[in-house]
Structures are given as structure tokens and as C-alpha cells.
Amino acid sequence: INYMERMNYPEKMVLLLLENNVHTADQFEDKQFLQDLLKKMEELKPTVGNIRTCRWRPSCYEVDISFHGQFHVMTTLGPNIPLIAEYRHGLDLYDELKDFLDDTFTIIRTGANGQEKEYPAANWHELIKVVREETFRGSHLQRYKGLGEMNPEQLWDTTMNPENRTLIQVKIDNAESADDMFTTLMGDKVEPRREFIQNHALEVSELDI
């Protein structure tokens, strides 16, 4: 949910799409399907633009919508949403978690002395916050852009110690194919890269941006 919000898809909109099993880009080939979604979205009081043919997938329809609250959010409702890996992961989890989205929670933690302490959480957002805070209590997270930023002890513990390090050897069996792939993904021409992404978007399982 947090990732989708950073992508300008409000939480309530995402949950509505999950509830209505919006799961493939092909669903947006039906204009009536999009109109029905907008009808269900009226409770969120968005400002809705005109439905149009999708720019990058002409067989589908899309529409610009705006949400007005503490912040003004403008986004596009269309076939791109089911292609987002985080959204698809939400689809996998939704049936298991949907009954808890409106619940309150109490976390019970047993201390070293055997005494129990309760941590109330008014909703699932607070539940995650409390769990994270308690999990990392007494810990300190550090992030490095490169190994050169670590001190020698950290470098040994995380990377250089032969007892827990893993070495991976990479070989190029087909230099010509590898060169074509690098040219497509890293070259100056945009169109081949766009075509590659569109053709293989659903095959992605992990994506770092």
C-alpha cells in the first residue's frame, strides 16, 4: 500500500480495486468495466476526466482521476495498475487479509522477566508500526552506497568473512545476445526499450528502482 501511494495511487482506491478483483490489463479492454469501477469509486468523491483510449495500449481504456483531501493527488486509472508487481502481490494477499483491514489489534509481548505487556493498535497501520518499533528496539540500521563506506569490521562481518560469504561467478555464454540486451535496455533508443518492457512486464518478480 505504501509503495502504491508513493506512485500516486491512494490507499482507498487501491483497496477498492483489490476488492473488485482488478487483476489483468485485459479487463480494461471493456469500456463498461472501467465505467463500473468509476461508479463504485464515487464514494471516494474523485474528480474524473474523460475516458480515452490508452496511449501505450490502444486496445484498452484509461481515465485521469483526482482526489482532494489533505493533499491533491492526480493519477490514471487504467491497464498499467495490474502490471505493477506490488499491486499483484497485494492481490495474492488480499483474500487472507481483507477481514482484518477494519479491525483493532492488541499485541502481547512477554518480557525477559516473564511479564506480559500489551500494545494496542487502532488499525492495521498502527499494528505494522508497533511491530516494527518493537522489532528494531535496541537496533540501529545503516545503509551504504558501496563497500568502501564501511569500516573494516563491518566489511569483514558482512562481506569478506569466508564462513558466511557467497561468491557468484558470472559467465557470458552468448556475447552477441548479451550485447543486444544491453543495447536494448541501456542504449539511446527509447522505443525498443519501451517495447521490451511492455512485452515482458508480467514476467518480472523482483524490480529495484
N, C-alpha and C. Protein backbone atom coordinates (compact mmCIF):
# COMPACT_ATOMS: atom_id res chain seq x y z
N ILE A 1 0.84 -1.19 0.00
CA ILE A 1 0.00 0.00 0.00
C ILE A 1 0.88 1.25 0.00
N ASN A 2 1.91 1.26 0.84
CA ASN A 2 2.78 2.44 0.90
C ASN A 2 3.45 2.69 -0.45
N TYR A 3 3.89 1.62 -1.10
CA TYR A 3 4.52 1.78 -2.42
C TYR A 3 3.53 2.36 -3.40
N MET A 4 2.31 1.84 -3.42
CA MET A 4 1.30 2.33 -4.36
C MET A 4 0.97 3.79 -4.09
N GLU A 5 0.95 4.19 -2.83
CA GLU A 5 0.69 5.60 -2.51
C GLU A 5 1.82 6.48 -3.01
N ARG A 6 3.05 5.99 -2.93
CA ARG A 6 4.17 6.77 -3.47
C ARG A 6 4.06 6.90 -4.98
N MET A 7 3.36 5.97 -5.61
CA MET A 7 3.14 6.02 -7.06
C MET A 7 1.88 6.81 -7.41
N ASN A 8 1.31 7.52 -6.41
CA ASN A 8 0.11 8.35 -6.60
C ASN A 8 -1.17 7.55 -6.75
N TYR A 9 -1.23 6.38 -6.12
CA TYR A 9 -2.47 5.61 -6.06
C TYR A 9 -2.92 5.57 -4.61
N PRO A 10 -3.94 6.37 -4.23
CA PRO A 10 -4.36 6.44 -2.83
C PRO A 10 -4.79 5.09 -2.28
N GLU A 11 -4.60 4.92 -0.99
CA GLU A 11 -4.91 3.64 -0.34
C GLU A 11 -6.34 3.18 -0.60
N LYS A 12 -7.31 4.08 -0.43
CA LYS A 12 -8.72 3.68 -0.60
C LYS A 12 -9.00 3.24 -2.04
N MET A 13 -8.34 3.87 -2.99
CA MET A 13 -8.51 3.47 -4.39
C MET A 13 -7.93 2.07 -4.61
N VAL A 14 -6.74 1.83 -4.07
CA VAL A 14 -6.10 0.52 -4.24
C VAL A 14 -6.94 -0.58 -3.61
N LEU A 15 -7.44 -0.33 -2.40
CA LEU A 15 -8.26 -1.34 -1.73
C LEU A 15 -9.55 -1.61 -2.50
N LEU A 16 -10.13 -0.58 -3.10
CA LEU A 16 -11.33 -0.77 -3.90
C LEU A 16 -11.04 -1.64 -5.13
N LEU A 17 -9.89 -1.41 -5.76
CA LEU A 17 -9.51 -2.22 -6.92
C LEU A 17 -9.26 -3.67 -6.52
N LEU A 18 -8.61 -3.86 -5.38
CA LEU A 18 -8.37 -5.22 -4.89
C LEU A 18 -9.69 -5.92 -4.56
N GLU A 19 -10.59 -5.18 -3.92
CA GLU A 19 -11.89 -5.74 -3.55
C GLU A 19 -12.68 -6.19 -4.78
N ASN A 20 -12.51 -5.47 -5.88
CA ASN A 20 -13.25 -5.78 -7.10
C ASN A 20 -12.44 -6.65 -8.06
N ASN A 21 -11.36 -7.24 -7.55
CA ASN A 21 -10.57 -8.22 -8.30
C ASN A 21 -10.09 -7.68 -9.65
N VAL A 22 -9.59 -6.46 -9.64
CA VAL A 22 -8.95 -5.91 -10.84
C VAL A 22 -7.58 -6.56 -10.93
N HIS A 23 -7.42 -7.52 -11.85
CA HIS A 23 -6.22 -8.35 -11.81
C HIS A 23 -5.47 -8.46 -13.13
N THR A 24 -6.04 -8.01 -14.25
CA THR A 24 -5.31 -8.06 -15.52
C THR A 24 -5.53 -6.78 -16.31
N ALA A 25 -4.56 -6.47 -17.16
CA ALA A 25 -4.70 -5.31 -18.05
C ALA A 25 -5.83 -5.52 -19.05
N ASP A 26 -6.07 -6.77 -19.41
CA ASP A 26 -7.10 -7.07 -20.42
C ASP A 26 -8.49 -6.63 -19.97
N GLN A 27 -8.72 -6.55 -18.66
CA GLN A 27 -10.03 -6.13 -18.18
C GLN A 27 -10.38 -4.73 -18.67
N PHE A 28 -9.37 -3.92 -18.92
CA PHE A 28 -9.59 -2.54 -19.33
C PHE A 28 -9.87 -2.42 -20.83
N GLU A 29 -9.93 -3.55 -21.52
CA GLU A 29 -10.36 -3.52 -22.92
C GLU A 29 -11.88 -3.31 -23.01
N ASP A 30 -12.57 -3.54 -21.90
CA ASP A 30 -14.02 -3.35 -21.83
C ASP A 30 -14.30 -1.98 -21.22
N LYS A 31 -14.81 -1.07 -22.02
CA LYS A 31 -15.10 0.28 -21.54
C LYS A 31 -16.11 0.27 -20.41
N GLN A 32 -17.07 -0.64 -20.48
CA GLN A 32 -18.09 -0.73 -19.43
C GLN A 32 -17.47 -1.13 -18.10
N PHE A 33 -16.43 -1.97 -18.15
CA PHE A 33 -15.73 -2.37 -16.93
C PHE A 33 -15.15 -1.14 -16.23
N LEU A 34 -14.53 -0.26 -16.99
CA LEU A 34 -13.96 0.96 -16.42
C LEU A 34 -15.06 1.87 -15.88
N GLN A 35 -16.16 1.98 -16.60
CA GLN A 35 -17.27 2.81 -16.13
C GLN A 35 -17.85 2.27 -14.82
N ASP A 36 -17.94 0.95 -14.71
CA ASP A 36 -18.44 0.35 -13.47
C ASP A 36 -17.51 0.63 -12.30
N LEU A 37 -16.20 0.59 -12.55
CA LEU A 37 -15.23 0.91 -11.50
C LEU A 37 -15.39 2.35 -11.04
N LEU A 38 -15.56 3.26 -11.98
CA LEU A 38 -15.74 4.67 -11.64
C LEU A 38 -17.02 4.87 -10.83
N LYS A 39 -18.05 4.11 -11.14
CA LYS A 39 -19.31 4.20 -10.39
C LYS A 39 -19.08 3.79 -8.94
N LYS A 40 -18.35 2.70 -8.74
CA LYS A 40 -18.06 2.23 -7.39
C LYS A 40 -17.13 3.19 -6.65
N MET A 41 -16.36 3.96 -7.40
CA MET A 41 -15.40 4.87 -6.81
C MET A 41 -16.02 6.21 -6.41
N GLU A 42 -17.30 6.40 -6.70
CA GLU A 42 -17.97 7.68 -6.40
C GLU A 42 -17.93 8.00 -4.92
N GLU A 43 -17.93 6.96 -4.06
CA GLU A 43 -17.89 7.19 -2.62
C GLU A 43 -16.60 7.87 -2.19
N LEU A 44 -15.55 7.76 -3.00
CA LEU A 44 -14.28 8.42 -2.70
C LEU A 44 -14.27 9.87 -3.17
N LYS A 45 -15.31 10.27 -3.89
CA LYS A 45 -15.51 11.64 -4.38
C LYS A 45 -14.32 12.15 -5.20
N PRO A 46 -13.92 11.41 -6.22
CA PRO A 46 -12.83 11.90 -7.08
C PRO A 46 -13.36 12.85 -8.14
N THR A 47 -12.47 13.61 -8.72
CA THR A 47 -12.77 14.36 -9.94
C THR A 47 -12.32 13.50 -11.11
N VAL A 48 -13.25 13.20 -12.01
CA VAL A 48 -12.99 12.23 -13.07
C VAL A 48 -12.93 12.92 -14.43
N GLY A 49 -11.90 12.60 -15.19
CA GLY A 49 -11.77 13.14 -16.54
C GLY A 49 -12.55 12.31 -17.54
N ASN A 50 -12.25 12.49 -18.80
CA ASN A 50 -12.93 11.76 -19.86
C ASN A 50 -12.20 10.44 -20.13
N ILE A 51 -12.98 9.38 -20.28
CA ILE A 51 -12.40 8.09 -20.65
C ILE A 51 -11.81 8.18 -22.05
N ARG A 52 -10.61 7.65 -22.22
CA ARG A 52 -9.93 7.73 -23.51
C ARG A 52 -9.24 6.40 -23.81
N THR A 53 -8.83 6.26 -25.04
CA THR A 53 -8.03 5.10 -25.43
C THR A 53 -6.66 5.19 -24.78
N CYS A 54 -6.20 4.09 -24.24
CA CYS A 54 -4.91 4.07 -23.56
C CYS A 54 -3.80 4.42 -24.54
N ARG A 55 -2.90 5.29 -24.11
CA ARG A 55 -1.84 5.79 -25.00
C ARG A 55 -0.88 4.68 -25.41
N TRP A 56 -0.51 3.83 -24.49
CA TRP A 56 0.51 2.81 -24.77
C TRP A 56 -0.08 1.44 -25.06
N ARG A 57 -1.40 1.29 -24.84
CA ARG A 57 -2.07 0.02 -25.13
C ARG A 57 -3.42 0.34 -25.74
N PRO A 58 -3.47 0.60 -27.06
CA PRO A 58 -4.67 1.13 -27.72
C PRO A 58 -5.90 0.25 -27.60
N SER A 59 -5.74 -1.02 -27.25
CA SER A 59 -6.91 -1.88 -27.11
C SER A 59 -7.64 -1.66 -25.79
N CYS A 60 -7.04 -0.85 -24.91
CA CYS A 60 -7.61 -0.63 -23.58
C CYS A 60 -8.06 0.81 -23.40
N TYR A 61 -8.78 1.05 -22.29
CA TYR A 61 -9.24 2.38 -21.94
C TYR A 61 -8.62 2.80 -20.61
N GLU A 62 -8.51 4.12 -20.43
CA GLU A 62 -7.99 4.67 -19.19
C GLU A 62 -8.64 6.01 -18.92
N VAL A 63 -8.46 6.52 -17.70
CA VAL A 63 -9.07 7.80 -17.35
C VAL A 63 -8.24 8.46 -16.26
N ASP A 64 -8.10 9.78 -16.31
CA ASP A 64 -7.42 10.53 -15.26
C ASP A 64 -8.41 10.84 -14.15
N ILE A 65 -7.98 10.64 -12.91
CA ILE A 65 -8.83 10.96 -11.77
C ILE A 65 -8.01 11.71 -10.73
N SER A 66 -8.68 12.60 -10.00
CA SER A 66 -8.03 13.40 -8.96
C SER A 66 -8.76 13.19 -7.64
N PHE A 67 -7.99 13.17 -6.56
CA PHE A 67 -8.55 13.05 -5.22
C PHE A 67 -8.16 14.28 -4.42
N HIS A 68 -9.15 14.85 -3.72
CA HIS A 68 -8.92 16.08 -2.97
C HIS A 68 -9.11 15.78 -1.48
N GLY A 69 -8.06 15.93 -0.74
CA GLY A 69 -8.12 15.73 0.70
C GLY A 69 -7.08 16.62 1.33
N GLN A 70 -6.31 16.07 2.26
CA GLN A 70 -5.19 16.83 2.82
C GLN A 70 -4.19 17.18 1.73
N PHE A 71 -4.06 16.27 0.75
CA PHE A 71 -3.20 16.52 -0.40
C PHE A 71 -4.01 16.27 -1.67
N HIS A 72 -3.65 17.00 -2.72
CA HIS A 72 -4.29 16.79 -4.02
C HIS A 72 -3.48 15.74 -4.77
N VAL A 73 -4.15 14.65 -5.15
CA VAL A 73 -3.48 13.55 -5.84
C VAL A 73 -4.15 13.33 -7.18
N MET A 74 -3.36 13.34 -8.24
CA MET A 74 -3.89 13.07 -9.58
C MET A 74 -3.20 11.82 -10.12
N THR A 75 -3.99 10.90 -10.65
CA THR A 75 -3.43 9.65 -11.14
C THR A 75 -4.25 9.16 -12.33
N THR A 76 -3.83 8.05 -12.90
CA THR A 76 -4.52 7.47 -14.05
C THR A 76 -5.00 6.07 -13.69
N LEU A 77 -6.27 5.82 -13.91
CA LEU A 77 -6.85 4.50 -13.71
C LEU A 77 -6.89 3.80 -15.05
N GLY A 78 -6.11 2.73 -15.18
CA GLY A 78 -6.02 2.06 -16.47
C GLY A 78 -5.28 0.74 -16.37
N PRO A 79 -4.91 0.17 -17.49
CA PRO A 79 -4.32 -1.18 -17.52
C PRO A 79 -2.94 -1.28 -16.91
N ASN A 80 -2.30 -0.14 -16.61
CA ASN A 80 -0.97 -0.20 -16.03
C ASN A 80 -0.99 -0.71 -14.59
N ILE A 81 -2.08 -0.49 -13.88
CA ILE A 81 -2.11 -0.83 -12.45
C ILE A 81 -1.93 -2.32 -12.20
N PRO A 82 -2.66 -3.22 -12.89
CA PRO A 82 -2.45 -4.65 -12.64
C PRO A 82 -1.07 -5.16 -13.04
N LEU A 83 -0.29 -4.34 -13.75
CA LEU A 83 1.05 -4.75 -14.15
C LEU A 83 2.10 -4.43 -13.09
N ILE A 84 1.73 -3.66 -12.07
CA ILE A 84 2.67 -3.27 -11.02
C ILE A 84 2.88 -4.46 -10.08
N ALA A 85 4.13 -4.85 -9.87
CA ALA A 85 4.43 -6.05 -9.08
C ALA A 85 3.86 -5.95 -7.67
N GLU A 86 3.97 -4.78 -7.05
CA GLU A 86 3.47 -4.61 -5.69
C GLU A 86 1.96 -4.76 -5.63
N TYR A 87 1.27 -4.29 -6.66
CA TYR A 87 -0.18 -4.46 -6.70
C TYR A 87 -0.54 -5.94 -6.85
N ARG A 88 0.17 -6.64 -7.71
CA ARG A 88 -0.10 -8.07 -7.89
C ARG A 88 0.17 -8.85 -6.60
N HIS A 89 1.18 -8.41 -5.86
CA HIS A 89 1.45 -9.04 -4.57
C HIS A 89 0.28 -8.79 -3.62
N GLY A 90 -0.29 -7.57 -3.69
CA GLY A 90 -1.48 -7.27 -2.89
C GLY A 90 -2.65 -8.17 -3.24
N LEU A 91 -2.80 -8.48 -4.52
CA LEU A 91 -3.86 -9.40 -4.95
C LEU A 91 -3.69 -10.77 -4.31
N ASP A 92 -2.45 -11.23 -4.24
CA ASP A 92 -2.17 -12.54 -3.65
C ASP A 92 -2.54 -12.59 -2.17
N LEU A 93 -2.39 -11.44 -1.48
CA LEU A 93 -2.60 -11.41 -0.04
C LEU A 93 -4.01 -10.97 0.36
N TYR A 94 -4.74 -10.36 -0.55
CA TYR A 94 -5.97 -9.66 -0.18
C TYR A 94 -7.00 -10.60 0.46
N ASP A 95 -7.24 -11.75 -0.12
CA ASP A 95 -8.26 -12.66 0.42
C ASP A 95 -7.94 -13.08 1.85
N GLU A 96 -6.66 -13.22 2.16
CA GLU A 96 -6.26 -13.63 3.51
C GLU A 96 -6.38 -12.48 4.51
N LEU A 97 -6.21 -11.24 4.04
CA LEU A 97 -6.11 -10.11 4.96
C LEU A 97 -7.34 -9.22 5.00
N LYS A 98 -8.25 -9.37 4.04
CA LYS A 98 -9.36 -8.41 3.92
C LYS A 98 -10.22 -8.33 5.17
N ASP A 99 -10.37 -9.44 5.90
CA ASP A 99 -11.21 -9.43 7.10
C ASP A 99 -10.58 -8.67 8.25
N PHE A 100 -9.30 -8.33 8.14
CA PHE A 100 -8.60 -7.64 9.23
C PHE A 100 -8.41 -6.15 8.96
N LEU A 101 -8.79 -5.68 7.79
CA LEU A 101 -8.48 -4.30 7.41
C LEU A 101 -9.20 -3.27 8.28
N ASP A 102 -10.35 -3.64 8.85
CA ASP A 102 -11.11 -2.70 9.68
C ASP A 102 -11.05 -3.06 11.15
N ASP A 103 -10.17 -3.98 11.54
CA ASP A 103 -10.09 -4.44 12.92
C ASP A 103 -9.17 -3.57 13.76
N THR A 104 -9.31 -3.71 15.08
CA THR A 104 -8.33 -3.19 16.03
C THR A 104 -7.52 -4.38 16.55
N PHE A 105 -6.34 -4.11 17.10
CA PHE A 105 -5.44 -5.20 17.48
C PHE A 105 -4.82 -4.92 18.84
N THR A 106 -4.44 -5.99 19.51
CA THR A 106 -3.67 -5.89 20.74
C THR A 106 -2.50 -6.86 20.64
N ILE A 107 -1.30 -6.32 20.73
CA ILE A 107 -0.09 -7.14 20.67
C ILE A 107 0.37 -7.41 22.10
N ILE A 108 0.59 -8.66 22.43
CA ILE A 108 1.05 -9.04 23.77
C ILE A 108 2.48 -9.53 23.67
N ARG A 109 3.35 -8.85 24.40
CA ARG A 109 4.77 -9.23 24.37
C ARG A 109 5.20 -9.67 25.76
N THR A 110 5.88 -10.81 25.82
CA THR A 110 6.39 -11.33 27.08
C THR A 110 7.84 -10.92 27.25
N GLY A 111 8.12 -10.21 28.33
CA GLY A 111 9.46 -9.73 28.59
C GLY A 111 10.37 -10.80 29.16
N ALA A 112 11.63 -10.43 29.37
CA ALA A 112 12.61 -11.38 29.89
C ALA A 112 12.24 -11.87 31.29
N ASN A 113 11.50 -11.04 32.05
CA ASN A 113 11.08 -11.42 33.40
C ASN A 113 9.78 -12.22 33.42
N GLY A 114 9.26 -12.52 32.23
CA GLY A 114 8.04 -13.31 32.15
C GLY A 114 6.76 -12.50 32.20
N GLN A 115 6.88 -11.20 32.43
CA GLN A 115 5.69 -10.36 32.49
C GLN A 115 5.23 -9.98 31.09
N GLU A 116 3.92 -9.90 30.93
CA GLU A 116 3.34 -9.55 29.64
C GLU A 116 3.02 -8.06 29.58
N LYS A 117 3.23 -7.49 28.41
CA LYS A 117 2.91 -6.09 28.20
C LYS A 117 2.07 -5.98 26.93
N GLU A 118 0.99 -5.20 27.02
CA GLU A 118 0.08 -5.07 25.89
C GLU A 118 0.37 -3.79 25.11
N TYR A 119 0.29 -3.90 23.79
CA TYR A 119 0.46 -2.76 22.89
C TYR A 119 -0.79 -2.67 22.01
N PRO A 120 -1.67 -1.70 22.26
CA PRO A 120 -2.88 -1.59 21.43
C PRO A 120 -2.57 -0.95 20.08
N ALA A 121 -3.32 -1.37 19.07
CA ALA A 121 -3.19 -0.78 17.73
C ALA A 121 -4.60 -0.56 17.19
N ALA A 122 -4.91 0.69 16.85
CA ALA A 122 -6.27 1.04 16.43
C ALA A 122 -6.62 0.50 15.05
N ASN A 123 -5.61 0.22 14.24
CA ASN A 123 -5.85 -0.29 12.88
C ASN A 123 -4.59 -1.00 12.40
N TRP A 124 -4.64 -1.51 11.17
CA TRP A 124 -3.51 -2.29 10.68
C TRP A 124 -2.27 -1.43 10.44
N HIS A 125 -2.48 -0.13 10.18
CA HIS A 125 -1.33 0.76 10.04
C HIS A 125 -0.54 0.82 11.36
N GLU A 126 -1.28 1.03 12.46
CA GLU A 126 -0.62 1.10 13.76
C GLU A 126 -0.02 -0.25 14.14
N LEU A 127 -0.68 -1.34 13.74
CA LEU A 127 -0.15 -2.67 14.02
C LEU A 127 1.24 -2.83 13.43
N ILE A 128 1.39 -2.47 12.16
CA ILE A 128 2.69 -2.58 11.50
C ILE A 128 3.71 -1.67 12.17
N LYS A 129 3.27 -0.45 12.53
CA LYS A 129 4.18 0.50 13.18
C LYS A 129 4.69 -0.05 14.51
N VAL A 130 3.77 -0.60 15.32
CA VAL A 130 4.15 -1.13 16.63
C VAL A 130 5.09 -2.32 16.48
N VAL A 131 4.78 -3.22 15.56
CA VAL A 131 5.62 -4.40 15.34
C VAL A 131 7.02 -3.99 14.92
N ARG A 132 7.10 -3.01 14.01
CA ARG A 132 8.42 -2.55 13.55
C ARG A 132 9.21 -1.92 14.69
N GLU A 133 8.53 -1.06 15.46
CA GLU A 133 9.23 -0.38 16.56
C GLU A 133 9.75 -1.38 17.58
N GLU A 134 8.93 -2.36 17.91
CA GLU A 134 9.35 -3.34 18.91
C GLU A 134 10.41 -4.29 18.35
N THR A 135 10.31 -4.60 17.07
CA THR A 135 11.29 -5.50 16.45
C THR A 135 12.67 -4.87 16.42
N PHE A 136 12.72 -3.57 16.12
CA PHE A 136 14.02 -2.91 15.96
C PHE A 136 14.47 -2.17 17.21
N ARG A 137 13.73 -2.33 18.29
CA ARG A 137 14.13 -1.65 19.53
C ARG A 137 15.52 -2.12 19.94
N GLY A 138 16.43 -1.17 20.16
CA GLY A 138 17.80 -1.51 20.52
C GLY A 138 18.70 -1.78 19.34
N SER A 139 18.14 -1.74 18.13
CA SER A 139 18.94 -1.98 16.93
C SER A 139 19.17 -0.67 16.19
N HIS A 140 20.18 -0.68 15.34
CA HIS A 140 20.49 0.51 14.54
C HIS A 140 20.73 0.08 13.10
N LEU A 141 19.95 0.63 12.19
CA LEU A 141 20.09 0.29 10.78
C LEU A 141 21.03 1.26 10.08
N GLN A 142 21.90 0.73 9.24
CA GLN A 142 22.79 1.56 8.44
C GLN A 142 22.71 1.10 6.99
N ARG A 143 22.76 2.06 6.09
CA ARG A 143 22.74 1.74 4.66
C ARG A 143 23.98 2.35 4.01
N TYR A 144 24.56 1.59 3.08
CA TYR A 144 25.77 2.04 2.41
C TYR A 144 25.57 2.00 0.91
N LYS A 145 26.10 3.00 0.25
CA LYS A 145 26.06 3.02 -1.22
C LYS A 145 27.11 2.10 -1.81
N GLY A 146 28.14 1.82 -1.04
CA GLY A 146 29.21 0.96 -1.55
C GLY A 146 30.03 0.39 -0.40
N LEU A 147 30.79 -0.65 -0.69
CA LEU A 147 31.57 -1.31 0.36
C LEU A 147 32.62 -0.38 0.95
N GLY A 148 33.08 0.59 0.16
CA GLY A 148 34.12 1.49 0.63
C GLY A 148 33.69 2.39 1.77
N GLU A 149 32.38 2.49 2.03
CA GLU A 149 31.89 3.34 3.12
C GLU A 149 31.91 2.61 4.47
N MET A 150 32.12 1.29 4.46
CA MET A 150 32.12 0.52 5.70
C MET A 150 33.47 0.61 6.40
N ASN A 151 33.44 0.46 7.72
CA ASN A 151 34.72 0.32 8.42
C ASN A 151 35.18 -1.14 8.29
N PRO A 152 36.44 -1.43 8.58
CA PRO A 152 36.98 -2.79 8.34
C PRO A 152 36.19 -3.90 9.03
N GLU A 153 35.73 -3.64 10.27
CA GLU A 153 35.00 -4.68 11.00
C GLU A 153 33.67 -5.00 10.32
N GLN A 154 32.96 -3.96 9.88
CA GLN A 154 31.69 -4.18 9.20
C GLN A 154 31.89 -4.88 7.86
N LEU A 155 32.94 -4.50 7.15
CA LEU A 155 33.21 -5.12 5.86
C LEU A 155 33.52 -6.61 6.02
N TRP A 156 34.24 -6.94 7.09
CA TRP A 156 34.56 -8.34 7.34
C TRP A 156 33.29 -9.13 7.70
N ASP A 157 32.47 -8.57 8.59
CA ASP A 157 31.28 -9.29 9.06
C ASP A 157 30.26 -9.49 7.96
N THR A 158 30.11 -8.52 7.08
CA THR A 158 29.03 -8.57 6.10
C THR A 158 29.44 -9.14 4.75
N THR A 159 30.75 -9.07 4.43
CA THR A 159 31.14 -9.37 3.05
C THR A 159 32.34 -10.31 2.93
N MET A 160 33.39 -10.06 3.70
CA MET A 160 34.67 -10.72 3.44
C MET A 160 34.88 -12.03 4.19
N ASN A 161 34.17 -12.25 5.27
CA ASN A 161 34.38 -13.46 6.07
C ASN A 161 34.05 -14.71 5.25
N PRO A 162 35.02 -15.59 4.99
CA PRO A 162 34.79 -16.78 4.14
C PRO A 162 33.72 -17.72 4.70
N GLU A 163 33.45 -17.63 6.01
CA GLU A 163 32.49 -18.56 6.61
C GLU A 163 31.05 -18.24 6.23
N ASN A 164 30.77 -16.99 5.87
CA ASN A 164 29.38 -16.66 5.56
C ASN A 164 29.20 -15.87 4.27
N ARG A 165 30.24 -15.79 3.47
CA ARG A 165 30.10 -15.06 2.21
C ARG A 165 29.75 -16.04 1.08
N THR A 166 29.18 -15.51 0.05
CA THR A 166 28.83 -16.29 -1.13
C THR A 166 29.44 -15.64 -2.36
N LEU A 167 30.18 -16.41 -3.14
CA LEU A 167 30.77 -15.90 -4.37
C LEU A 167 29.99 -16.45 -5.55
N ILE A 168 29.63 -15.59 -6.46
CA ILE A 168 28.89 -15.99 -7.66
C ILE A 168 29.71 -15.65 -8.88
N GLN A 169 29.97 -16.64 -9.71
CA GLN A 169 30.71 -16.42 -10.94
C GLN A 169 29.73 -16.24 -12.09
N VAL A 170 29.90 -15.16 -12.81
CA VAL A 170 29.02 -14.86 -13.93
C VAL A 170 29.79 -15.09 -15.23
N LYS A 171 29.19 -15.90 -16.12
CA LYS A 171 29.79 -16.16 -17.42
C LYS A 171 28.83 -15.73 -18.52
N ILE A 172 29.39 -15.22 -19.59
CA ILE A 172 28.58 -14.84 -20.74
C ILE A 172 28.73 -15.91 -21.80
N ASP A 173 27.69 -16.73 -21.97
CA ASP A 173 27.74 -17.81 -22.95
C ASP A 173 27.53 -17.30 -24.37
N ASN A 174 26.75 -16.23 -24.49
CA ASN A 174 26.45 -15.69 -25.82
C ASN A 174 26.69 -14.19 -25.79
N ALA A 175 27.89 -13.78 -26.18
CA ALA A 175 28.27 -12.37 -26.12
C ALA A 175 27.38 -11.52 -27.01
N GLU A 176 27.00 -12.05 -28.16
CA GLU A 176 26.18 -11.28 -29.10
C GLU A 176 24.80 -11.00 -28.51
N SER A 177 24.21 -12.03 -27.90
CA SER A 177 22.90 -11.87 -27.28
C SER A 177 22.96 -10.90 -26.11
N ALA A 178 24.03 -11.01 -25.31
CA ALA A 178 24.20 -10.10 -24.17
C ALA A 178 24.35 -8.66 -24.64
N ASP A 179 25.11 -8.48 -25.72
CA ASP A 179 25.30 -7.13 -26.26
C ASP A 179 23.97 -6.55 -26.76
N ASP A 180 23.16 -7.39 -27.40
CA ASP A 180 21.85 -6.93 -27.86
C ASP A 180 20.97 -6.51 -26.69
N MET A 181 21.03 -7.28 -25.60
CA MET A 181 20.21 -6.97 -24.44
C MET A 181 20.65 -5.66 -23.79
N PHE A 182 21.97 -5.46 -23.66
CA PHE A 182 22.46 -4.21 -23.09
C PHE A 182 22.10 -3.02 -23.98
N THR A 183 22.20 -3.21 -25.28
CA THR A 183 21.85 -2.14 -26.21
C THR A 183 20.38 -1.78 -26.10
N THR A 184 19.53 -2.80 -25.97
CA THR A 184 18.08 -2.56 -25.85
C THR A 184 17.74 -1.82 -24.57
N LEU A 185 18.31 -2.26 -23.46
CA LEU A 185 17.92 -1.72 -22.16
C LEU A 185 18.70 -0.48 -21.75
N MET A 186 19.91 -0.32 -22.25
CA MET A 186 20.76 0.79 -21.82
C MET A 186 21.13 1.75 -22.94
N GLY A 187 20.68 1.46 -24.16
CA GLY A 187 21.07 2.27 -25.30
C GLY A 187 20.31 3.58 -25.41
N ASP A 188 20.58 4.32 -26.47
CA ASP A 188 19.99 5.64 -26.67
C ASP A 188 18.57 5.59 -27.23
N LYS A 189 18.18 4.47 -27.83
CA LYS A 189 16.87 4.39 -28.47
C LYS A 189 15.80 3.99 -27.44
N VAL A 190 14.78 4.82 -27.34
CA VAL A 190 13.74 4.61 -26.34
C VAL A 190 12.73 3.54 -26.76
N GLU A 191 12.36 3.52 -28.04
CA GLU A 191 11.27 2.65 -28.49
C GLU A 191 11.54 1.16 -28.25
N PRO A 192 12.74 0.63 -28.57
CA PRO A 192 13.00 -0.80 -28.28
C PRO A 192 12.90 -1.11 -26.79
N ARG A 193 13.35 -0.17 -25.95
CA ARG A 193 13.28 -0.37 -24.51
C ARG A 193 11.83 -0.41 -24.03
N ARG A 194 11.01 0.52 -24.55
CA ARG A 194 9.60 0.54 -24.19
C ARG A 194 8.90 -0.75 -24.63
N GLU A 195 9.21 -1.20 -25.83
CA GLU A 195 8.60 -2.42 -26.36
C GLU A 195 8.99 -3.63 -25.51
N PHE A 196 10.26 -3.68 -25.10
CA PHE A 196 10.73 -4.79 -24.26
C PHE A 196 9.98 -4.80 -22.93
N ILE A 197 9.84 -3.63 -22.31
CA ILE A 197 9.16 -3.54 -21.01
C ILE A 197 7.71 -3.96 -21.14
N GLN A 198 7.03 -3.50 -22.19
CA GLN A 198 5.63 -3.86 -22.37
C GLN A 198 5.45 -5.36 -22.61
N ASN A 199 6.37 -5.95 -23.35
CA ASN A 199 6.25 -7.37 -23.68
C ASN A 199 6.55 -8.28 -22.49
N HIS A 200 7.41 -7.80 -21.58
CA HIS A 200 7.88 -8.68 -20.51
C HIS A 200 7.49 -8.20 -19.11
N ALA A 201 6.62 -7.21 -19.02
CA ALA A 201 6.28 -6.63 -17.71
C ALA A 201 5.72 -7.68 -16.74
N LEU A 202 4.90 -8.57 -17.24
CA LEU A 202 4.27 -9.56 -16.36
C LEU A 202 5.22 -10.66 -15.92
N GLU A 203 6.41 -10.72 -16.50
CA GLU A 203 7.37 -11.76 -16.13
C GLU A 203 8.26 -11.34 -14.96
N VAL A 204 8.16 -10.07 -14.55
CA VAL A 204 9.04 -9.55 -13.51
C VAL A 204 8.59 -10.05 -12.14
N SER A 205 9.51 -10.58 -11.36
CA SER A 205 9.20 -10.98 -9.98
C SER A 205 9.87 -10.06 -8.97
N GLU A 206 11.03 -9.50 -9.31
CA GLU A 206 11.72 -8.56 -8.44
C GLU A 206 12.23 -7.40 -9.28
N LEU A 207 11.96 -6.18 -8.81
CA LEU A 207 12.36 -5.00 -9.56
C LEU A 207 12.85 -3.93 -8.60
N ASP A 208 14.08 -3.51 -8.75
CA ASP A 208 14.65 -2.43 -7.94
C ASP A 208 14.66 -1.15 -8.75
N ILE A 209 14.11 -0.09 -8.17
CA ILE A 209 14.07 1.21 -8.85
C ILE A 209 14.81 2.23 -8.01
